[in-house]
PDB file of N, CA and C in Angstrom:
ATOM      1  N   UNK A   1     -25.882  11.534  31.608  1.00  0.00           N
ATOM      2  CA  UNK A   1     -25.287  11.074  30.379  1.00  0.00           C
ATOM      3  C   UNK A   1     -23.871  11.624  30.255  1.00  0.00           C
ATOM      4  N   UNK A   2     -22.960  10.797  29.809  1.00  0.00           N
ATOM      5  CA  UNK A   2     -21.578  11.209  29.616  1.00  0.00           C
ATOM      6  C   UNK A   2     -21.352  11.769  28.228  1.00  0.00           C
ATOM      7  N   UNK A   3     -20.247  12.443  28.088  1.00  0.00           N
ATOM      8  CA  UNK A   3     -19.897  13.006  26.778  1.00  0.00           C
ATOM      9  C   UNK A   3     -19.472  11.886  25.834  1.00  0.00           C
ATOM     10  N   UNK A   4     -19.812  12.026  24.581  1.00  0.00           N
ATOM     11  CA  UNK A   4     -19.436  11.051  23.565  1.00  0.00           C
ATOM     12  C   UNK A   4     -18.284  11.598  22.748  1.00  0.00           C
ATOM     13  N   UNK A   5     -17.327  10.756  22.458  1.00  0.00           N
ATOM     14  CA  UNK A   5     -16.191  11.143  21.627  1.00  0.00           C
ATOM     15  C   UNK A   5     -16.542  10.844  20.178  1.00  0.00           C
ATOM     16  N   UNK A   6     -16.355  11.813  19.329  1.00  0.00           N
ATOM     17  CA  UNK A   6     -16.666  11.654  17.912  1.00  0.00           C
ATOM     18  C   UNK A   6     -15.387  11.287  17.173  1.00  0.00           C
ATOM     19  N   UNK A   7     -15.431  10.185  16.440  1.00  0.00           N
ATOM     20  CA  UNK A   7     -14.310   9.771  15.601  1.00  0.00           C
ATOM     21  C   UNK A   7     -14.683  10.116  14.170  1.00  0.00           C
ATOM     22  N   UNK A   8     -13.912  10.999  13.561  1.00  0.00           N
ATOM     23  CA  UNK A   8     -14.209  11.434  12.197  1.00  0.00           C
ATOM     24  C   UNK A   8     -13.365  10.650  11.207  1.00  0.00           C
ATOM     25  N   UNK A   9     -13.968  10.313  10.115  1.00  0.00           N
ATOM     26  CA  UNK A   9     -13.265   9.638   9.035  1.00  0.00           C
ATOM     27  C   UNK A   9     -12.698  10.683   8.077  1.00  0.00           C
ATOM     28  N   UNK A  10     -11.583  10.366   7.452  1.00  0.00           N
ATOM     29  CA  UNK A  10     -11.056  11.294   6.440  1.00  0.00           C
ATOM     30  C   UNK A  10     -12.068  11.487   5.311  1.00  0.00           C
ATOM     31  N   UNK A  11     -12.102  12.675   4.748  1.00  0.00           N
ATOM     32  CA  UNK A  11     -13.080  13.001   3.716  1.00  0.00           C
ATOM     33  C   UNK A  11     -12.728  12.408   2.354  1.00  0.00           C
ATOM     34  N   UNK A  12     -11.457  12.106   2.121  1.00  0.00           N
ATOM     35  CA  UNK A  12     -11.039  11.618   0.810  1.00  0.00           C
ATOM     36  C   UNK A  12     -11.279  10.114   0.660  1.00  0.00           C
ATOM     37  N   UNK A  13     -11.105   9.627  -0.545  1.00  0.00           N
ATOM     38  CA  UNK A  13     -11.210   8.190  -0.795  1.00  0.00           C
ATOM     39  C   UNK A  13     -10.103   7.465  -0.057  1.00  0.00           C
ATOM     40  N   UNK A  14     -10.321   6.203   0.310  1.00  0.00           N
ATOM     41  CA  UNK A  14      -9.310   5.483   1.077  1.00  0.00           C
ATOM     42  C   UNK A  14      -8.012   5.298   0.285  1.00  0.00           C
ATOM     43  N   UNK A  15      -6.902   5.574   0.942  1.00  0.00           N
ATOM     44  CA  UNK A  15      -5.593   5.368   0.356  1.00  0.00           C
ATOM     45  C   UNK A  15      -5.108   3.953   0.634  1.00  0.00           C
ATOM     46  N   UNK A  16      -3.869   3.687   0.274  1.00  0.00           N
ATOM     47  CA  UNK A  16      -3.294   2.352   0.419  1.00  0.00           C
ATOM     48  C   UNK A  16      -3.305   1.877   1.870  1.00  0.00           C
ATOM     49  N   UNK A  17      -2.915   2.752   2.805  1.00  0.00           N
ATOM     50  CA  UNK A  17      -2.886   2.339   4.210  1.00  0.00           C
ATOM     51  C   UNK A  17      -4.276   1.985   4.710  1.00  0.00           C
ATOM     52  N   UNK A  18      -5.285   2.770   4.337  1.00  0.00           N
ATOM     53  CA  UNK A  18      -6.650   2.481   4.779  1.00  0.00           C
ATOM     54  C   UNK A  18      -7.158   1.180   4.158  1.00  0.00           C
ATOM     55  N   UNK A  19      -6.896   0.988   2.870  1.00  0.00           N
ATOM     56  CA  UNK A  19      -7.333  -0.259   2.220  1.00  0.00           C
ATOM     57  C   UNK A  19      -6.637  -1.460   2.850  1.00  0.00           C
ATOM     58  N   UNK A  20      -5.348  -1.332   3.160  1.00  0.00           N
ATOM     59  CA  UNK A  20      -4.607  -2.425   3.790  1.00  0.00           C
ATOM     60  C   UNK A  20      -5.157  -2.703   5.187  1.00  0.00           C
ATOM     61  N   UNK A  21      -5.432  -1.651   5.953  1.00  0.00           N
ATOM     62  CA  UNK A  21      -5.976  -1.805   7.308  1.00  0.00           C
ATOM     63  C   UNK A  21      -7.334  -2.519   7.254  1.00  0.00           C
ATOM     64  N   UNK A  22      -8.182  -2.129   6.300  1.00  0.00           N
ATOM     65  CA  UNK A  22      -9.476  -2.788   6.147  1.00  0.00           C
ATOM     66  C   UNK A  22      -9.288  -4.279   5.867  1.00  0.00           C
ATOM     67  N   UNK A  23      -8.350  -4.605   4.983  1.00  0.00           N
ATOM     68  CA  UNK A  23      -8.091  -6.006   4.648  1.00  0.00           C
ATOM     69  C   UNK A  23      -7.571  -6.766   5.863  1.00  0.00           C
ATOM     70  N   UNK A  24      -6.663  -6.166   6.626  1.00  0.00           N
ATOM     71  CA  UNK A  24      -6.116  -6.830   7.823  1.00  0.00           C
ATOM     72  C   UNK A  24      -7.216  -7.141   8.828  1.00  0.00           C
ATOM     73  N   UNK A  25      -8.194  -6.256   8.917  1.00  0.00           N
ATOM     74  CA  UNK A  25      -9.265  -6.426   9.899  1.00  0.00           C
ATOM     75  C   UNK A  25     -10.206  -7.579   9.541  1.00  0.00           C
ATOM     76  N   UNK A  26     -10.296  -7.927   8.253  1.00  0.00           N
ATOM     77  CA  UNK A  26     -11.252  -8.970   7.871  1.00  0.00           C
ATOM     78  C   UNK A  26     -10.606 -10.296   7.507  1.00  0.00           C
ATOM     79  N   UNK A  27      -9.311 -10.304   7.191  1.00  0.00           N
ATOM     80  CA  UNK A  27      -8.639 -11.540   6.794  1.00  0.00           C
ATOM     81  C   UNK A  27      -8.099 -12.232   8.036  1.00  0.00           C
ATOM     82  N   UNK A  28      -8.525 -13.459   8.233  1.00  0.00           N
ATOM     83  CA  UNK A  28      -8.058 -14.218   9.393  1.00  0.00           C
ATOM     84  C   UNK A  28      -7.734 -15.627   8.936  1.00  0.00           C
ATOM     85  N   UNK A  29      -6.863 -16.349   9.549  1.00  0.00           N
ATOM     86  CA  UNK A  29      -6.104 -15.970  10.734  1.00  0.00           C
ATOM     87  C   UNK A  29      -4.809 -15.225  10.429  1.00  0.00           C
ATOM     88  N   UNK A  30      -4.400 -15.172   9.180  1.00  0.00           N
ATOM     89  CA  UNK A  30      -3.160 -14.483   8.871  1.00  0.00           C
ATOM     90  C   UNK A  30      -3.056 -14.171   7.390  1.00  0.00           C
ATOM     91  N   UNK A  31      -2.032 -13.378   7.027  1.00  0.00           N
ATOM     92  CA  UNK A  31      -1.866 -12.932   5.648  1.00  0.00           C
ATOM     93  C   UNK A  31      -0.399 -12.611   5.414  1.00  0.00           C
ATOM     94  N   UNK A  32      -0.038 -12.577   4.149  1.00  0.00           N
ATOM     95  CA  UNK A  32       1.307 -12.201   3.743  1.00  0.00           C
ATOM     96  C   UNK A  32       1.245 -10.815   3.102  1.00  0.00           C
ATOM     97  N   UNK A  33       2.406 -10.239   2.824  1.00  0.00           N
ATOM     98  CA  UNK A  33       2.445  -8.958   2.112  1.00  0.00           C
ATOM     99  C   UNK A  33       1.823  -9.129   0.724  1.00  0.00           C
ATOM    100  N   UNK A  34       2.073 -10.284   0.089  1.00  0.00           N
ATOM    101  CA  UNK A  34       1.483 -10.554  -1.230  1.00  0.00           C
ATOM    102  C   UNK A  34      -0.046 -10.583  -1.151  1.00  0.00           C
ATOM    103  N   UNK A  35      -0.584 -11.162  -0.076  1.00  0.00           N
ATOM    104  CA  UNK A  35      -2.042 -11.168   0.118  1.00  0.00           C
ATOM    105  C   UNK A  35      -2.580  -9.742   0.224  1.00  0.00           C
ATOM    106  N   UNK A  36      -1.899  -8.919   1.023  1.00  0.00           N
ATOM    107  CA  UNK A  36      -2.329  -7.523   1.175  1.00  0.00           C
ATOM    108  C   UNK A  36      -2.255  -6.775  -0.139  1.00  0.00           C
ATOM    109  N   UNK A  37      -1.194  -7.043  -0.903  1.00  0.00           N
ATOM    110  CA  UNK A  37      -1.057  -6.379  -2.193  1.00  0.00           C
ATOM    111  C   UNK A  37      -2.216  -6.761  -3.112  1.00  0.00           C
ATOM    112  N   UNK A  38      -2.597  -8.018  -3.092  1.00  0.00           N
ATOM    113  CA  UNK A  38      -3.717  -8.488  -3.902  1.00  0.00           C
ATOM    114  C   UNK A  38      -5.028  -7.812  -3.480  1.00  0.00           C
ATOM    115  N   UNK A  39      -5.222  -7.658  -2.172  1.00  0.00           N
ATOM    116  CA  UNK A  39      -6.469  -7.101  -1.652  1.00  0.00           C
ATOM    117  C   UNK A  39      -6.511  -5.577  -1.645  1.00  0.00           C
ATOM    118  N   UNK A  40      -5.352  -4.932  -1.426  1.00  0.00           N
ATOM    119  CA  UNK A  40      -5.361  -3.488  -1.209  1.00  0.00           C
ATOM    120  C   UNK A  40      -4.452  -2.708  -2.151  1.00  0.00           C
ATOM    121  N   UNK A  41      -3.469  -3.359  -2.737  1.00  0.00           N
ATOM    122  CA  UNK A  41      -2.507  -2.672  -3.585  1.00  0.00           C
ATOM    123  C   UNK A  41      -2.936  -2.658  -5.032  1.00  0.00           C
ATOM    124  N   UNK A  42      -1.988  -2.312  -5.874  1.00  0.00           N
ATOM    125  CA  UNK A  42      -2.283  -2.295  -7.308  1.00  0.00           C
ATOM    126  C   UNK A  42      -1.336  -3.212  -8.083  1.00  0.00           C
ATOM    127  N   UNK A  43      -0.583  -4.032  -7.365  1.00  0.00           N
ATOM    128  CA  UNK A  43       0.311  -4.981  -8.018  1.00  0.00           C
ATOM    129  C   UNK A  43       1.665  -4.409  -8.374  1.00  0.00           C
ATOM    130  N   UNK A  44       1.881  -3.132  -8.126  1.00  0.00           N
ATOM    131  CA  UNK A  44       3.172  -2.531  -8.469  1.00  0.00           C
ATOM    132  C   UNK A  44       4.201  -2.807  -7.368  1.00  0.00           C
ATOM    133  N   UNK A  45       5.457  -2.769  -7.743  1.00  0.00           N
ATOM    134  CA  UNK A  45       6.529  -2.958  -6.766  1.00  0.00           C
ATOM    135  C   UNK A  45       6.510  -1.815  -5.752  1.00  0.00           C
ATOM    136  N   UNK A  46       6.147  -0.630  -6.195  1.00  0.00           N
ATOM    137  CA  UNK A  46       6.057   0.525  -5.312  1.00  0.00           C
ATOM    138  C   UNK A  46       5.010   0.303  -4.215  1.00  0.00           C
ATOM    139  N   UNK A  47       3.838  -0.192  -4.594  1.00  0.00           N
ATOM    140  CA  UNK A  47       2.779  -0.460  -3.618  1.00  0.00           C
ATOM    141  C   UNK A  47       3.220  -1.556  -2.647  1.00  0.00           C
ATOM    142  N   UNK A  48       3.869  -2.589  -3.164  1.00  0.00           N
ATOM    143  CA  UNK A  48       4.321  -3.677  -2.296  1.00  0.00           C
ATOM    144  C   UNK A  48       5.369  -3.177  -1.303  1.00  0.00           C
ATOM    145  N   UNK A  49       6.269  -2.303  -1.754  1.00  0.00           N
ATOM    146  CA  UNK A  49       7.282  -1.733  -0.853  1.00  0.00           C
ATOM    147  C   UNK A  49       6.610  -0.866   0.219  1.00  0.00           C
ATOM    148  N   UNK A  50       5.609  -0.091  -0.176  1.00  0.00           N
ATOM    149  CA  UNK A  50       4.869   0.727   0.797  1.00  0.00           C
ATOM    150  C   UNK A  50       4.156  -0.163   1.814  1.00  0.00           C
ATOM    151  N   UNK A  51       3.580  -1.262   1.357  1.00  0.00           N
ATOM    152  CA  UNK A  51       2.911  -2.190   2.270  1.00  0.00           C
ATOM    153  C   UNK A  51       3.902  -2.817   3.244  1.00  0.00           C
ATOM    154  N   UNK A  52       5.092  -3.179   2.743  1.00  0.00           N
ATOM    155  CA  UNK A  52       6.126  -3.739   3.639  1.00  0.00           C
ATOM    156  C   UNK A  52       6.494  -2.729   4.731  1.00  0.00           C
ATOM    157  N   UNK A  53       6.670  -1.471   4.349  1.00  0.00           N
ATOM    158  CA  UNK A  53       7.013  -0.430   5.336  1.00  0.00           C
ATOM    159  C   UNK A  53       5.874  -0.235   6.336  1.00  0.00           C
ATOM    160  N   UNK A  54       4.653  -0.200   5.839  1.00  0.00           N
ATOM    161  CA  UNK A  54       3.502   0.020   6.715  1.00  0.00           C
ATOM    162  C   UNK A  54       3.338  -1.133   7.697  1.00  0.00           C
ATOM    163  N   UNK A  55       3.415  -2.355   7.208  1.00  0.00           N
ATOM    164  CA  UNK A  55       3.294  -3.515   8.090  1.00  0.00           C
ATOM    165  C   UNK A  55       4.451  -3.531   9.090  1.00  0.00           C
ATOM    166  N   UNK A  56       5.643  -3.172   8.645  1.00  0.00           N
ATOM    167  CA  UNK A  56       6.782  -3.093   9.564  1.00  0.00           C
ATOM    168  C   UNK A  56       6.532  -2.101  10.690  1.00  0.00           C
ATOM    169  N   UNK A  57       5.912  -0.970  10.366  1.00  0.00           N
ATOM    170  CA  UNK A  57       5.583   0.028  11.384  1.00  0.00           C
ATOM    171  C   UNK A  57       4.513  -0.496  12.334  1.00  0.00           C
ATOM    172  N   UNK A  58       3.524  -1.208  11.799  1.00  0.00           N
ATOM    173  CA  UNK A  58       2.479  -1.791  12.647  1.00  0.00           C
ATOM    174  C   UNK A  58       3.068  -2.853  13.579  1.00  0.00           C
ATOM    175  N   UNK A  59       4.022  -3.624  13.082  1.00  0.00           N
ATOM    176  CA  UNK A  59       4.713  -4.609  13.926  1.00  0.00           C
ATOM    177  C   UNK A  59       5.487  -3.866  15.012  1.00  0.00           C
ATOM    178  N   UNK A  60       6.213  -2.819  14.624  1.00  0.00           N
ATOM    179  CA  UNK A  60       6.986  -2.038  15.587  1.00  0.00           C
ATOM    180  C   UNK A  60       6.129  -1.418  16.674  1.00  0.00           C
ATOM    181  N   UNK A  61       4.893  -1.059  16.340  1.00  0.00           N
ATOM    182  CA  UNK A  61       3.965  -0.459  17.301  1.00  0.00           C
ATOM    183  C   UNK A  61       3.216  -1.510  18.118  1.00  0.00           C
ATOM    184  N   UNK A  62       3.373  -2.780  17.756  1.00  0.00           N
ATOM    185  CA  UNK A  62       2.708  -3.848  18.495  1.00  0.00           C
ATOM    186  C   UNK A  62       1.282  -4.118  18.070  1.00  0.00           C
ATOM    187  N   UNK A  63       0.839  -3.551  16.950  1.00  0.00           N
ATOM    188  CA  UNK A  63      -0.529  -3.781  16.489  1.00  0.00           C
ATOM    189  C   UNK A  63      -0.641  -5.018  15.606  1.00  0.00           C
ATOM    190  N   UNK A  64       0.462  -5.418  15.008  1.00  0.00           N
ATOM    191  CA  UNK A  64       0.520  -6.600  14.141  1.00  0.00           C
ATOM    192  C   UNK A  64       1.660  -7.480  14.637  1.00  0.00           C
ATOM    193  N   UNK A  65       1.502  -8.771  14.507  1.00  0.00           N
ATOM    194  CA  UNK A  65       2.544  -9.704  14.918  1.00  0.00           C
ATOM    195  C   UNK A  65       2.880 -10.653  13.772  1.00  0.00           C
ATOM    196  N   UNK A  66       4.107 -11.149  13.771  1.00  0.00           N
ATOM    197  CA  UNK A  66       4.540 -12.151  12.794  1.00  0.00           C
ATOM    198  C   UNK A  66       4.209 -13.510  13.383  1.00  0.00           C
ATOM    199  N   UNK A  67       3.551 -14.362  12.602  1.00  0.00           N
ATOM    200  CA  UNK A  67       3.208 -15.699  13.094  1.00  0.00           C
ATOM    201  C   UNK A  67       4.348 -16.664  12.790  1.00  0.00           C
ATOM    202  N   UNK A  68       4.256 -17.856  13.340  1.00  0.00           N
ATOM    203  CA  UNK A  68       5.280 -18.872  13.100  1.00  0.00           C
ATOM    204  C   UNK A  68       5.137 -19.501  11.717  1.00  0.00           C
ATOM    205  N   UNK A  69       3.932 -19.407  11.143  1.00  0.00           N
ATOM    206  CA  UNK A  69       3.681 -20.023   9.835  1.00  0.00           C
ATOM    207  C   UNK A  69       4.402 -19.256   8.729  1.00  0.00           C
ATOM    208  N   UNK A  70       4.717 -19.952   7.662  1.00  0.00           N
ATOM    209  CA  UNK A  70       5.351 -19.343   6.483  1.00  0.00           C
ATOM    210  C   UNK A  70       4.524 -19.669   5.260  1.00  0.00           C
ATOM    211  N   UNK A  71       4.449 -18.705   4.335  1.00  0.00           N
ATOM    212  CA  UNK A  71       3.718 -18.894   3.093  1.00  0.00           C
ATOM    213  C   UNK A  71       4.613 -19.474   2.020  1.00  0.00           C
ATOM    214  N   UNK A  72       4.126 -19.430   0.788  1.00  0.00           N
ATOM    215  CA  UNK A  72       4.919 -19.901  -0.340  1.00  0.00           C
ATOM    216  C   UNK A  72       6.212 -19.099  -0.408  1.00  0.00           C
ATOM    217  N   UNK A  73       7.276 -19.749  -0.809  1.00  0.00           N
ATOM    218  CA  UNK A  73       8.586 -19.103  -0.928  1.00  0.00           C
ATOM    219  C   UNK A  73       9.078 -18.519   0.383  1.00  0.00           C
ATOM    220  N   UNK A  74       8.610 -19.057   1.510  1.00  0.00           N
ATOM    221  CA  UNK A  74       9.083 -18.608   2.815  1.00  0.00           C
ATOM    222  C   UNK A  74       8.574 -17.257   3.259  1.00  0.00           C
ATOM    223  N   UNK A  75       7.507 -16.746   2.616  1.00  0.00           N
ATOM    224  CA  UNK A  75       6.957 -15.444   3.007  1.00  0.00           C
ATOM    225  C   UNK A  75       6.442 -15.478   4.444  1.00  0.00           C
ATOM    226  N   UNK A  76       6.645 -14.392   5.159  1.00  0.00           N
ATOM    227  CA  UNK A  76       6.151 -14.286   6.531  1.00  0.00           C
ATOM    228  C   UNK A  76       4.635 -14.122   6.531  1.00  0.00           C
ATOM    229  N   UNK A  77       4.010 -14.749   7.511  1.00  0.00           N
ATOM    230  CA  UNK A  77       2.589 -14.549   7.761  1.00  0.00           C
ATOM    231  C   UNK A  77       2.448 -13.591   8.927  1.00  0.00           C
ATOM    232  N   UNK A  78       1.501 -12.682   8.816  1.00  0.00           N
ATOM    233  CA  UNK A  78       1.228 -11.703   9.855  1.00  0.00           C
ATOM    234  C   UNK A  78      -0.216 -11.859  10.302  1.00  0.00           C
ATOM    235  N   UNK A  79      -0.506 -11.321  11.476  1.00  0.00           N
ATOM    236  CA  UNK A  79      -1.903 -11.245  11.909  1.00  0.00           C
ATOM    237  C   UNK A  79      -2.083  -9.974  12.732  1.00  0.00           C
ATOM    238  N   UNK A  80      -3.290  -9.448  12.679  1.00  0.00           N
ATOM    239  CA  UNK A  80      -3.628  -8.250  13.431  1.00  0.00           C
ATOM    240  C   UNK A  80      -3.730  -8.643  14.898  1.00  0.00           C
ATOM    241  N   UNK A  81      -2.921  -8.028  15.715  1.00  0.00           N
ATOM    242  CA  UNK A  81      -2.887  -8.344  17.137  1.00  0.00           C
ATOM    243  C   UNK A  81      -3.887  -7.499  17.909  1.00  0.00           C
ATOM    244  N   UNK A  82      -4.041  -6.239  17.472  1.00  0.00           N
ATOM    245  CA  UNK A  82      -4.946  -5.327  18.165  1.00  0.00           C
ATOM    246  C   UNK A  82      -5.693  -4.478  17.142  1.00  0.00           C
ATOM    247  N   UNK A  83      -6.975  -4.734  17.010  1.00  0.00           N
ATOM    248  CA  UNK A  83      -7.834  -3.963  16.114  1.00  0.00           C
ATOM    249  C   UNK A  83      -8.377  -2.793  16.914  1.00  0.00           C
ATOM    250  N   UNK A  84      -7.857  -1.600  16.659  1.00  0.00           N
ATOM    251  CA  UNK A  84      -8.243  -0.437  17.454  1.00  0.00           C
ATOM    252  C   UNK A  84      -9.424   0.329  16.880  1.00  0.00           C
ATOM    253  N   UNK A  85      -9.876  -0.036  15.688  1.00  0.00           N
ATOM    254  CA  UNK A  85     -11.030   0.642  15.113  1.00  0.00           C
ATOM    255  C   UNK A  85     -10.943   0.769  13.609  1.00  0.00           C
ATOM    256  N   UNK A  86     -11.913   1.463  13.012  1.00  0.00           N
ATOM    257  CA  UNK A  86     -12.040   1.485  11.559  1.00  0.00           C
ATOM    258  C   UNK A  86     -11.046   2.371  10.800  1.00  0.00           C
ATOM    259  N   UNK A  87     -10.469   3.349  11.463  1.00  0.00           N
ATOM    260  CA  UNK A  87      -9.569   4.272  10.759  1.00  0.00           C
ATOM    261  C   UNK A  87      -8.135   3.755  10.855  1.00  0.00           C
ATOM    262  N   UNK A  88      -7.473   3.663   9.724  1.00  0.00           N
ATOM    263  CA  UNK A  88      -6.109   3.132   9.675  1.00  0.00           C
ATOM    264  C   UNK A  88      -5.129   4.022  10.424  1.00  0.00           C
ATOM    265  N   UNK A  89      -4.245   3.415  11.218  1.00  0.00           N
ATOM    266  CA  UNK A  89      -3.168   4.199  11.823  1.00  0.00           C
ATOM    267  C   UNK A  89      -2.295   4.811  10.722  1.00  0.00           C
ATOM    268  N   UNK A  90      -1.802   6.029  10.955  1.00  0.00           N
ATOM    269  CA  UNK A  90      -0.948   6.726   9.992  1.00  0.00           C
ATOM    270  C   UNK A  90       0.513   6.496  10.342  1.00  0.00           C
ATOM    271  N   UNK A  91       1.263   6.031   9.352  1.00  0.00           N
ATOM    272  CA  UNK A  91       2.700   5.797   9.540  1.00  0.00           C
ATOM    273  C   UNK A  91       3.447   7.085   9.257  1.00  0.00           C
ATOM    274  N   UNK A  92       4.106   7.604  10.270  1.00  0.00           N
ATOM    275  CA  UNK A  92       4.963   8.786  10.136  1.00  0.00           C
ATOM    276  C   UNK A  92       6.387   8.277  10.056  1.00  0.00           C
ATOM    277  N   UNK A  93       6.782   7.916   8.863  1.00  0.00           N
ATOM    278  CA  UNK A  93       8.041   7.224   8.605  1.00  0.00           C
ATOM    279  C   UNK A  93       9.258   7.957   9.144  1.00  0.00           C
ATOM    280  N   UNK A  94       9.383   9.216   8.797  1.00  0.00           N
ATOM    281  CA  UNK A  94      10.577   9.972   9.174  1.00  0.00           C
ATOM    282  C   UNK A  94      10.707  10.110  10.688  1.00  0.00           C
ATOM    283  N   UNK A  95       9.583  10.189  11.378  1.00  0.00           N
ATOM    284  CA  UNK A  95       9.596  10.354  12.832  1.00  0.00           C
ATOM    285  C   UNK A  95       9.661   9.015  13.560  1.00  0.00           C
ATOM    286  N   UNK A  96       9.514   7.906  12.835  1.00  0.00           N
ATOM    287  CA  UNK A  96       9.495   6.593  13.476  1.00  0.00           C
ATOM    288  C   UNK A  96       8.288   6.428  14.383  1.00  0.00           C
ATOM    289  N   UNK A  97       7.140   6.943  13.915  1.00  0.00           N
ATOM    290  CA  UNK A  97       5.926   6.908  14.722  1.00  0.00           C
ATOM    291  C   UNK A  97       4.740   6.384  13.920  1.00  0.00           C
ATOM    292  N   UNK A  98       3.792   5.877  14.654  1.00  0.00           N
ATOM    293  CA  UNK A  98       2.531   5.442  14.079  1.00  0.00           C
ATOM    294  C   UNK A  98       1.437   6.081  14.917  1.00  0.00           C
ATOM    295  N   UNK A  99       0.602   6.905  14.286  1.00  0.00           N
ATOM    296  CA  UNK A  99      -0.476   7.565  15.021  1.00  0.00           C
ATOM    297  C   UNK A  99      -1.780   6.827  14.792  1.00  0.00           C
ATOM    298  N   UNK A 100      -2.435   6.453  15.882  1.00  0.00           N
ATOM    299  CA  UNK A 100      -3.710   5.751  15.820  1.00  0.00           C
ATOM    300  C   UNK A 100      -4.835   6.760  16.007  1.00  0.00           C
ATOM    301  N   UNK A 101      -5.595   7.000  14.946  1.00  0.00           N
ATOM    302  CA  UNK A 101      -6.678   7.980  14.972  1.00  0.00           C
ATOM    303  C   UNK A 101      -7.864   7.500  15.806  1.00  0.00           C
ATOM    304  N   UNK A 102      -7.982   6.207  16.019  1.00  0.00           N
ATOM    305  CA  UNK A 102      -9.094   5.662  16.791  1.00  0.00           C
ATOM    306  C   UNK A 102      -8.908   5.873  18.283  1.00  0.00           C
ATOM    307  N   UNK A 103      -7.681   5.779  18.746  1.00  0.00           N
ATOM    308  CA  UNK A 103      -7.394   5.922  20.181  1.00  0.00           C
ATOM    309  C   UNK A 103      -6.768   7.265  20.522  1.00  0.00           C
ATOM    310  N   UNK A 104      -6.232   7.949  19.499  1.00  0.00           N
ATOM    311  CA  UNK A 104      -5.537   9.207  19.736  1.00  0.00           C
ATOM    312  C   UNK A 104      -4.100   9.019  20.193  1.00  0.00           C
ATOM    313  N   UNK A 105      -3.628   7.782  20.248  1.00  0.00           N
ATOM    314  CA  UNK A 105      -2.272   7.496  20.728  1.00  0.00           C
ATOM    315  C   UNK A 105      -1.264   7.488  19.579  1.00  0.00           C
ATOM    316  N   UNK A 106      -0.052   7.902  19.898  1.00  0.00           N
ATOM    317  CA  UNK A 106       1.052   7.823  18.965  1.00  0.00           C
ATOM    318  C   UNK A 106       2.037   6.803  19.510  1.00  0.00           C
ATOM    319  N   UNK A 107       2.367   5.810  18.685  1.00  0.00           N
ATOM    320  CA  UNK A 107       3.283   4.745  19.080  1.00  0.00           C
ATOM    321  C   UNK A 107       4.661   5.018  18.498  1.00  0.00           C
ATOM    322  N   UNK A 108       5.675   4.845  19.305  1.00  0.00           N
ATOM    323  CA  UNK A 108       7.051   4.899  18.816  1.00  0.00           C
ATOM    324  C   UNK A 108       7.344   3.527  18.221  1.00  0.00           C
ATOM    325  N   UNK A 109       7.611   3.485  16.945  1.00  0.00           N
ATOM    326  CA  UNK A 109       7.826   2.189  16.302  1.00  0.00           C
ATOM    327  C   UNK A 109       9.276   1.743  16.364  1.00  0.00           C
ATOM    328  N   UNK A 110      10.183   2.686  16.539  1.00  0.00           N
ATOM    329  CA  UNK A 110      11.591   2.320  16.533  1.00  0.00           C
ATOM    330  C   UNK A 110      12.047   1.886  15.156  1.00  0.00           C
ATOM    331  N   UNK A 111      11.242   2.194  14.155  1.00  0.00           N
ATOM    332  CA  UNK A 111      11.530   1.757  12.798  1.00  0.00           C
ATOM    333  C   UNK A 111      11.371   2.927  11.856  1.00  0.00           C
ATOM    334  N   UNK A 112      12.146   2.927  10.814  1.00  0.00           N
ATOM    335  CA  UNK A 112      11.959   3.868   9.714  1.00  0.00           C
ATOM    336  C   UNK A 112      11.904   3.030   8.460  1.00  0.00           C
ATOM    337  N   UNK A 113      10.797   3.095   7.773  1.00  0.00           N
ATOM    338  CA  UNK A 113      10.639   2.313   6.551  1.00  0.00           C
ATOM    339  C   UNK A 113      10.544   0.828   6.786  1.00  0.00           C
ATOM    340  N   UNK A 114      10.164   0.434   8.000  1.00  0.00           N
ATOM    341  CA  UNK A 114      10.004  -0.983   8.293  1.00  0.00           C
ATOM    342  C   UNK A 114      11.310  -1.687   8.613  1.00  0.00           C
ATOM    343  N   UNK A 115      12.421  -0.956   8.664  1.00  0.00           N
ATOM    344  CA  UNK A 115      13.715  -1.552   9.006  1.00  0.00           C
ATOM    345  C   UNK A 115      14.220  -0.895  10.284  1.00  0.00           C
ATOM    346  N   UNK A 116      15.005  -1.619  11.083  1.00  0.00           N
ATOM    347  CA  UNK A 116      15.506  -1.033  12.319  1.00  0.00           C
ATOM    348  C   UNK A 116      16.273   0.250  12.052  1.00  0.00           C
ATOM    349  N   UNK A 117      16.101   1.227  12.931  1.00  0.00           N
ATOM    350  CA  UNK A 117      16.835   2.489  12.804  1.00  0.00           C
ATOM    351  C   UNK A 117      18.308   2.235  13.056  1.00  0.00           C
ATOM    352  N   UNK A 118      19.145   2.833  12.273  1.00  0.00           N
ATOM    353  CA  UNK A 118      20.585   2.709  12.440  1.00  0.00           C
ATOM    354  C   UNK A 118      21.195   4.107  12.418  1.00  0.00           C
ATOM    355  N   UNK A 119      22.197   4.346  13.273  1.00  0.00           N
ATOM    356  CA  UNK A 119      22.863   5.648  13.191  1.00  0.00           C
ATOM    357  C   UNK A 119      23.582   5.802  11.877  1.00  0.00           C
ATOM    358  N   UNK A 120      23.703   7.031  11.425  1.00  0.00           N
ATOM    359  CA  UNK A 120      24.408   7.305  10.182  1.00  0.00           C
ATOM    360  C   UNK A 120      25.879   6.933  10.326  1.00  0.00           C
ATOM    361  N   UNK A 121      26.470   6.416   9.271  1.00  0.00           N
ATOM    362  CA  UNK A 121      27.888   6.052   9.273  1.00  0.00           C
ATOM    363  C   UNK A 121      28.732   7.316   9.200  1.00  0.00           C
ATOM    364  N   UNK A 122      29.897   7.340   9.897  1.00  0.00           N
ATOM    365  CA  UNK A 122      30.745   8.527   9.841  1.00  0.00           C
ATOM    366  C   UNK A 122      31.419   8.686   8.501  1.00  0.00           C
TER     367      UNK A 122
END
């Protein structure tokens, strides 16, 4: 018999990223940021901005892709490209990284806050 790897879930109640990840895993074939906000957010502009940053990081890491379809008002549709497991990847915004607790891998997203990194202006 081989050794089994134990994946532990966080002890606290699910936060916004976990609720959004759960929604992404069950909604098919695609969703908008507004859809995620309806399913996982609280309707506030703050939650929607956090969802935009999180989805941007997932896109940067290659776990989510933008589809060709557009929603109402030209909203982008996204779809989960790679479902790595039940625990939501953690977005490390300042480091431009996304850590996947299911695989143990850290992805360089090349993004901070869902927008391309830019050098500081002189």
